[in-house]
Amino acid sequence: LALCIKAKLEAVESGISHFEDEFLANFVMPNGQTFGECVVPQIDRIYKNGSVPNQLLIGAPAEINTIEVKE
């Protein structure tokens, strides 16, 4: 665990990555869930439904404000 965190911090320090990119999924939201726990189910719905919300709506139904994905 320590090596993983150190590698992420070194990537940020050297400019290879940004802090948010390395740790965003682990940010704790006001409801006590991590950002990853809040967003991953929405990503699953996006792939199943084939539509993408036009704004981030944490906790909102996936059907609200969606656009069709065209390949």
PDB file of N, CA and C in Angstrom:
ATOM      1  N   LEU A   1       0.825  -1.192   0.000  1.00  0.00           N
ATOM      2  CA  LEU A   1       0.000   0.000   0.000  1.00  0.00           C
ATOM      3  C   LEU A   1       0.869   1.255   0.000  1.00  0.00           C
ATOM      4  N   ALA A   2       1.876   1.251   0.843  1.00  0.00           N
ATOM      5  CA  ALA A   2       2.755   2.420   0.925  1.00  0.00           C
ATOM      6  C   ALA A   2       3.456   2.676  -0.406  1.00  0.00           C
ATOM      7  N   LEU A   3       3.907   1.610  -1.068  1.00  0.00           N
ATOM      8  CA  LEU A   3       4.579   1.780  -2.361  1.00  0.00           C
ATOM      9  C   LEU A   3       3.627   2.327  -3.420  1.00  0.00           C
ATOM     10  N   CYS A   4       2.391   1.883  -3.384  1.00  0.00           N
ATOM     11  CA  CYS A   4       1.391   2.363  -4.338  1.00  0.00           C
ATOM     12  C   CYS A   4       1.142   3.859  -4.145  1.00  0.00           C
ATOM     13  N   ILE A   5       0.939   4.265  -2.911  1.00  0.00           N
ATOM     14  CA  ILE A   5       0.697   5.682  -2.624  1.00  0.00           C
ATOM     15  C   ILE A   5       1.924   6.511  -2.976  1.00  0.00           C
ATOM     16  N   LYS A   6       3.104   6.007  -2.636  1.00  0.00           N
ATOM     17  CA  LYS A   6       4.338   6.729  -2.951  1.00  0.00           C
ATOM     18  C   LYS A   6       4.492   6.898  -4.463  1.00  0.00           C
ATOM     19  N   ALA A   7       4.187   5.860  -5.223  1.00  0.00           N
ATOM     20  CA  ALA A   7       4.290   5.943  -6.683  1.00  0.00           C
ATOM     21  C   ALA A   7       3.330   6.990  -7.237  1.00  0.00           C
ATOM     22  N   LYS A   8       2.119   7.025  -6.710  1.00  0.00           N
ATOM     23  CA  LYS A   8       1.146   8.024  -7.159  1.00  0.00           C
ATOM     24  C   LYS A   8       1.636   9.435  -6.835  1.00  0.00           C
ATOM     25  N   LEU A   9       2.135   9.628  -5.623  1.00  0.00           N
ATOM     26  CA  LEU A   9       2.623  10.950  -5.230  1.00  0.00           C
ATOM     27  C   LEU A   9       3.843  11.365  -6.050  1.00  0.00           C
ATOM     28  N   GLU A  10       4.713  10.428  -6.363  1.00  0.00           N
ATOM     29  CA  GLU A  10       5.875  10.751  -7.194  1.00  0.00           C
ATOM     30  C   GLU A  10       5.454  11.106  -8.614  1.00  0.00           C
ATOM     31  N   ALA A  11       4.437  10.422  -9.137  1.00  0.00           N
ATOM     32  CA  ALA A  11       3.930  10.753 -10.471  1.00  0.00           C
ATOM     33  C   ALA A  11       3.367  12.173 -10.486  1.00  0.00           C
ATOM     34  N   VAL A  12       2.683  12.545  -9.425  1.00  0.00           N
ATOM     35  CA  VAL A  12       2.137  13.902  -9.318  1.00  0.00           C
ATOM     36  C   VAL A  12       3.269  14.910  -9.207  1.00  0.00           C
ATOM     37  N   GLU A  13       4.227  14.634  -8.347  1.00  0.00           N
ATOM     38  CA  GLU A  13       5.336  15.564  -8.126  1.00  0.00           C
ATOM     39  C   GLU A  13       6.163  15.779  -9.391  1.00  0.00           C
ATOM     40  N   SER A  14       6.332  14.727 -10.184  1.00  0.00           N
ATOM     41  CA  SER A  14       7.143  14.845 -11.396  1.00  0.00           C
ATOM     42  C   SER A  14       6.364  15.428 -12.570  1.00  0.00           C
ATOM     43  N   GLY A  15       5.058  15.623 -12.398  1.00  0.00           N
ATOM     44  CA  GLY A  15       4.252  16.214 -13.456  1.00  0.00           C
ATOM     45  C   GLY A  15       3.682  15.216 -14.444  1.00  0.00           C
ATOM     46  N   ILE A  16       3.886  13.938 -14.211  1.00  0.00           N
ATOM     47  CA  ILE A  16       3.342  12.906 -15.095  1.00  0.00           C
ATOM     48  C   ILE A  16       1.826  12.845 -14.974  1.00  0.00           C
ATOM     49  N   SER A  17       1.328  13.118 -13.786  1.00  0.00           N
ATOM     50  CA  SER A  17      -0.097  13.016 -13.513  1.00  0.00           C
ATOM     51  C   SER A  17      -0.518  14.160 -12.600  1.00  0.00           C
ATOM     52  N   HIS A  18      -1.813  14.281 -12.394  1.00  0.00           N
ATOM     53  CA  HIS A  18      -2.357  15.281 -11.478  1.00  0.00           C
ATOM     54  C   HIS A  18      -2.900  14.575 -10.240  1.00  0.00           C
ATOM     55  N   PHE A  19      -2.886  15.277  -9.123  1.00  0.00           N
ATOM     56  CA  PHE A  19      -3.351  14.696  -7.866  1.00  0.00           C
ATOM     57  C   PHE A  19      -4.770  14.151  -8.005  1.00  0.00           C
ATOM     58  N   GLU A  20      -5.651  14.942  -8.612  1.00  0.00           N
ATOM     59  CA  GLU A  20      -7.041  14.533  -8.756  1.00  0.00           C
ATOM     60  C   GLU A  20      -7.168  13.259  -9.584  1.00  0.00           C
ATOM     61  N   ASP A  21      -6.346  13.130 -10.625  1.00  0.00           N
ATOM     62  CA  ASP A  21      -6.404  11.933 -11.464  1.00  0.00           C
ATOM     63  C   ASP A  21      -6.006  10.687 -10.686  1.00  0.00           C
ATOM     64  N   GLU A  22      -5.076  10.820  -9.791  1.00  0.00           N
ATOM     65  CA  GLU A  22      -4.587   9.674  -9.030  1.00  0.00           C
ATOM     66  C   GLU A  22      -5.489   9.300  -7.859  1.00  0.00           C
ATOM     67  N   PHE A  23      -6.153  10.288  -7.264  1.00  0.00           N
ATOM     68  CA  PHE A  23      -6.866  10.029  -6.017  1.00  0.00           C
ATOM     69  C   PHE A  23      -8.363  10.343  -6.048  1.00  0.00           C
ATOM     70  N   LEU A  24      -8.907  10.786  -7.170  1.00  0.00           N
ATOM     71  CA  LEU A  24     -10.307  11.212  -7.232  1.00  0.00           C
ATOM     72  C   LEU A  24     -11.276  10.140  -6.750  1.00  0.00           C
ATOM     73  N   ALA A  25     -11.074   8.919  -7.154  1.00  0.00           N
ATOM     74  CA  ALA A  25     -12.003   7.849  -6.764  1.00  0.00           C
ATOM     75  C   ALA A  25     -12.063   7.664  -5.251  1.00  0.00           C
ATOM     76  N   ASN A  26     -11.042   8.124  -4.547  1.00  0.00           N
ATOM     77  CA  ASN A  26     -10.979   7.933  -3.095  1.00  0.00           C
ATOM     78  C   ASN A  26     -11.452   9.137  -2.295  1.00  0.00           C
ATOM     79  N   PHE A  27     -11.810  10.238  -2.954  1.00  0.00           N
ATOM     80  CA  PHE A  27     -12.333  11.397  -2.231  1.00  0.00           C
ATOM     81  C   PHE A  27     -13.635  10.989  -1.554  1.00  0.00           C
ATOM     82  N   VAL A  28     -13.824  11.405  -0.316  1.00  0.00           N
ATOM     83  CA  VAL A  28     -15.041  11.063   0.422  1.00  0.00           C
ATOM     84  C   VAL A  28     -16.065  12.177   0.224  1.00  0.00           C
ATOM     85  N   MET A  29     -17.250  11.775  -0.220  1.00  0.00           N
ATOM     86  CA  MET A  29     -18.345  12.704  -0.470  1.00  0.00           C
ATOM     87  C   MET A  29     -19.057  13.027   0.849  1.00  0.00           C
ATOM     88  N   PRO A  30     -19.886  14.081   0.870  1.00  0.00           N
ATOM     89  CA  PRO A  30     -20.594  14.443   2.104  1.00  0.00           C
ATOM     90  C   PRO A  30     -21.469  13.325   2.675  1.00  0.00           C
ATOM     91  N   ASN A  31     -21.918  12.394   1.824  1.00  0.00           N
ATOM     92  CA  ASN A  31     -22.763  11.304   2.319  1.00  0.00           C
ATOM     93  C   ASN A  31     -21.957  10.136   2.884  1.00  0.00           C
ATOM     94  N   GLY A  32     -20.626  10.266   2.905  1.00  0.00           N
ATOM     95  CA  GLY A  32     -19.767   9.225   3.467  1.00  0.00           C
ATOM     96  C   GLY A  32     -19.256   8.217   2.458  1.00  0.00           C
ATOM     97  N   GLN A  33     -19.805   8.217   1.245  1.00  0.00           N
ATOM     98  CA  GLN A  33     -19.320   7.326   0.200  1.00  0.00           C
ATOM     99  C   GLN A  33     -18.119   7.954  -0.486  1.00  0.00           C
ATOM    100  N   THR A  34     -17.280   7.103  -1.073  1.00  0.00           N
ATOM    101  CA  THR A  34     -16.210   7.656  -1.892  1.00  0.00           C
ATOM    102  C   THR A  34     -16.796   8.079  -3.234  1.00  0.00           C
ATOM    103  N   PHE A  35     -16.081   8.936  -3.936  1.00  0.00           N
ATOM    104  CA  PHE A  35     -16.534   9.383  -5.251  1.00  0.00           C
ATOM    105  C   PHE A  35     -16.690   8.184  -6.185  1.00  0.00           C
ATOM    106  N   GLY A  36     -15.757   7.254  -6.095  1.00  0.00           N
ATOM    107  CA  GLY A  36     -15.837   6.051  -6.922  1.00  0.00           C
ATOM    108  C   GLY A  36     -17.100   5.252  -6.654  1.00  0.00           C
ATOM    109  N   GLU A  37     -17.471   5.111  -5.381  1.00  0.00           N
ATOM    110  CA  GLU A  37     -18.692   4.385  -5.036  1.00  0.00           C
ATOM    111  C   GLU A  37     -19.932   5.079  -5.591  1.00  0.00           C
ATOM    112  N   CYS A  38     -19.897   6.390  -5.677  1.00  0.00           N
ATOM    113  CA  CYS A  38     -21.038   7.148  -6.207  1.00  0.00           C
ATOM    114  C   CYS A  38     -21.117   7.071  -7.724  1.00  0.00           C
ATOM    115  N   VAL A  39     -19.984   7.087  -8.386  1.00  0.00           N
ATOM    116  CA  VAL A  39     -19.965   7.238  -9.837  1.00  0.00           C
ATOM    117  C   VAL A  39     -19.954   5.904 -10.592  1.00  0.00           C
ATOM    118  N   VAL A  40     -19.314   4.891 -10.056  1.00  0.00           N
ATOM    119  CA  VAL A  40     -19.204   3.617 -10.781  1.00  0.00           C
ATOM    120  C   VAL A  40     -20.571   3.052 -11.173  1.00  0.00           C
ATOM    121  N   PRO A  41     -21.587   3.072 -10.298  1.00  0.00           N
ATOM    122  CA  PRO A  41     -22.899   2.584 -10.740  1.00  0.00           C
ATOM    123  C   PRO A  41     -23.470   3.396 -11.908  1.00  0.00           C
ATOM    124  N   GLN A  42     -23.207   4.696 -11.933  1.00  0.00           N
ATOM    125  CA  GLN A  42     -23.681   5.515 -13.049  1.00  0.00           C
ATOM    126  C   GLN A  42     -22.964   5.141 -14.340  1.00  0.00           C
ATOM    127  N   ILE A  43     -21.684   4.848 -14.244  1.00  0.00           N
ATOM    128  CA  ILE A  43     -20.930   4.436 -15.432  1.00  0.00           C
ATOM    129  C   ILE A  43     -21.481   3.117 -15.961  1.00  0.00           C
ATOM    130  N   ASP A  44     -21.802   2.202 -15.065  1.00  0.00           N
ATOM    131  CA  ASP A  44     -22.415   0.935 -15.487  1.00  0.00           C
ATOM    132  C   ASP A  44     -23.722   1.191 -16.240  1.00  0.00           C
ATOM    133  N   ARG A  45     -24.572   2.087 -15.705  1.00  0.00           N
ATOM    134  CA  ARG A  45     -25.841   2.411 -16.371  1.00  0.00           C
ATOM    135  C   ARG A  45     -25.610   3.049 -17.735  1.00  0.00           C
ATOM    136  N   ILE A  46     -24.590   3.895 -17.841  1.00  0.00           N
ATOM    137  CA  ILE A  46     -24.290   4.543 -19.118  1.00  0.00           C
ATOM    138  C   ILE A  46     -23.997   3.493 -20.182  1.00  0.00           C
ATOM    139  N   TYR A  47     -23.182   2.506 -19.838  1.00  0.00           N
ATOM    140  CA  TYR A  47     -22.847   1.467 -20.813  1.00  0.00           C
ATOM    141  C   TYR A  47     -24.039   0.569 -21.121  1.00  0.00           C
ATOM    142  N   LYS A  48     -24.874   0.298 -20.135  1.00  0.00           N
ATOM    143  CA  LYS A  48     -26.050  -0.549 -20.363  1.00  0.00           C
ATOM    144  C   LYS A  48     -27.110   0.175 -21.184  1.00  0.00           C
ATOM    145  N   ASN A  49     -27.331   1.473 -20.898  1.00  0.00           N
ATOM    146  CA  ASN A  49     -28.381   2.241 -21.569  1.00  0.00           C
ATOM    147  C   ASN A  49     -27.927   2.879 -22.871  1.00  0.00           C
ATOM    148  N   GLY A  50     -26.640   3.062 -23.040  1.00  0.00           N
ATOM    149  CA  GLY A  50     -26.128   3.713 -24.237  1.00  0.00           C
ATOM    150  C   GLY A  50     -26.372   5.208 -24.268  1.00  0.00           C
ATOM    151  N   SER A  51     -26.604   5.812 -23.098  1.00  0.00           N
ATOM    152  CA  SER A  51     -26.796   7.258 -23.046  1.00  0.00           C
ATOM    153  C   SER A  51     -25.928   7.849 -21.943  1.00  0.00           C
ATOM    154  N   VAL A  52     -25.522   9.091 -22.161  1.00  0.00           N
ATOM    155  CA  VAL A  52     -24.612   9.769 -21.242  1.00  0.00           C
ATOM    156  C   VAL A  52     -25.306  11.004 -20.679  1.00  0.00           C
ATOM    157  N   PRO A  53     -25.277  11.196 -19.350  1.00  0.00           N
ATOM    158  CA  PRO A  53     -25.853  12.419 -18.791  1.00  0.00           C
ATOM    159  C   PRO A  53     -25.080  13.635 -19.295  1.00  0.00           C
ATOM    160  N   ASN A  54     -25.788  14.735 -19.560  1.00  0.00           N
ATOM    161  CA  ASN A  54     -25.080  15.928 -20.013  1.00  0.00           C
ATOM    162  C   ASN A  54     -24.513  16.723 -18.849  1.00  0.00           C
ATOM    163  N   GLN A  55     -24.737  16.245 -17.636  1.00  0.00           N
ATOM    164  CA  GLN A  55     -24.086  16.804 -16.457  1.00  0.00           C
ATOM    165  C   GLN A  55     -24.006  15.719 -15.392  1.00  0.00           C
ATOM    166  N   LEU A  56     -23.083  15.872 -14.464  1.00  0.00           N
ATOM    167  CA  LEU A  56     -22.914  14.886 -13.409  1.00  0.00           C
ATOM    168  C   LEU A  56     -24.032  15.051 -12.396  1.00  0.00           C
ATOM    169  N   LEU A  57     -24.810  14.007 -12.210  1.00  0.00           N
ATOM    170  CA  LEU A  57     -25.933  14.049 -11.283  1.00  0.00           C
ATOM    171  C   LEU A  57     -25.788  12.927 -10.268  1.00  0.00           C
ATOM    172  N   ILE A  58     -24.979  13.136  -9.268  1.00  0.00           N
ATOM    173  CA  ILE A  58     -24.774  12.106  -8.262  1.00  0.00           C
ATOM    174  C   ILE A  58     -26.060  11.935  -7.472  1.00  0.00           C
ATOM    175  N   GLY A  59     -26.548  10.712  -7.457  1.00  0.00           N
ATOM    176  CA  GLY A  59     -27.758  10.393  -6.726  1.00  0.00           C
ATOM    177  C   GLY A  59     -29.031  10.547  -7.533  1.00  0.00           C
ATOM    178  N   ALA A  60     -28.949  11.082  -8.745  1.00  0.00           N
ATOM    179  CA  ALA A  60     -30.137  11.256  -9.584  1.00  0.00           C
ATOM    180  C   ALA A  60     -30.315  10.044 -10.484  1.00  0.00           C
ATOM    181  N   PRO A  61     -31.545   9.771 -10.901  1.00  0.00           N
ATOM    182  CA  PRO A  61     -31.767   8.659 -11.829  1.00  0.00           C
ATOM    183  C   PRO A  61     -31.015   8.873 -13.135  1.00  0.00           C
ATOM    184  N   ALA A  62     -30.552   7.803 -13.731  1.00  0.00           N
ATOM    185  CA  ALA A  62     -29.759   7.893 -14.959  1.00  0.00           C
ATOM    186  C   ALA A  62     -30.564   8.447 -16.125  1.00  0.00           C
ATOM    187  N   GLU A  63     -31.903   8.363 -16.069  1.00  0.00           N
ATOM    188  CA  GLU A  63     -32.732   8.803 -17.190  1.00  0.00           C
ATOM    189  C   GLU A  63     -32.794  10.322 -17.318  1.00  0.00           C
ATOM    190  N   ILE A  64     -32.451  11.040 -16.274  1.00  0.00           N
ATOM    191  CA  ILE A  64     -32.550  12.499 -16.293  1.00  0.00           C
ATOM    192  C   ILE A  64     -31.402  13.093 -17.099  1.00  0.00           C
ATOM    193  N   ASN A  65     -31.729  14.028 -17.989  1.00  0.00           N
ATOM    194  CA  ASN A  65     -30.728  14.778 -18.749  1.00  0.00           C
ATOM    195  C   ASN A  65     -29.722  13.880 -19.454  1.00  0.00           C
ATOM    196  N   THR A  66     -30.193  12.977 -20.273  1.00  0.00           N
ATOM    197  CA  THR A  66     -29.278  12.104 -20.991  1.00  0.00           C
ATOM    198  C   THR A  66     -29.288  12.428 -22.472  1.00  0.00           C
ATOM    199  N   ILE A  67     -28.206  12.074 -23.128  1.00  0.00           N
ATOM    200  CA  ILE A  67     -28.103  12.223 -24.572  1.00  0.00           C
ATOM    201  C   ILE A  67     -27.705  10.876 -25.146  1.00  0.00           C
ATOM    202  N   GLU A  68     -28.106  10.618 -26.365  1.00  0.00           N
ATOM    203  CA  GLU A  68     -27.769   9.350 -27.004  1.00  0.00           C
ATOM    204  C   GLU A  68     -26.308   9.345 -27.434  1.00  0.00           C
ATOM    205  N   VAL A  69     -25.657   8.211 -27.294  1.00  0.00           N
ATOM    206  CA  VAL A  69     -24.277   8.043 -27.734  1.00  0.00           C
ATOM    207  C   VAL A  69     -24.308   7.527 -29.159  1.00  0.00           C
ATOM    208  N   LYS A  70     -23.663   8.244 -30.069  1.00  0.00           N
ATOM    209  CA  LYS A  70     -23.608   7.820 -31.463  1.00  0.00           C
ATOM    210  C   LYS A  70     -22.203   7.351 -31.770  1.00  0.00           C
ATOM    211  N   GLU A  71     -22.123   6.197 -32.389  1.00  0.00           N
ATOM    212  CA  GLU A  71     -20.802   5.634 -32.711  1.00  0.00           C
ATOM    213  C   GLU A  71     -20.342   6.060 -34.067  1.00  0.00           C
TER     214      GLU A  71
END
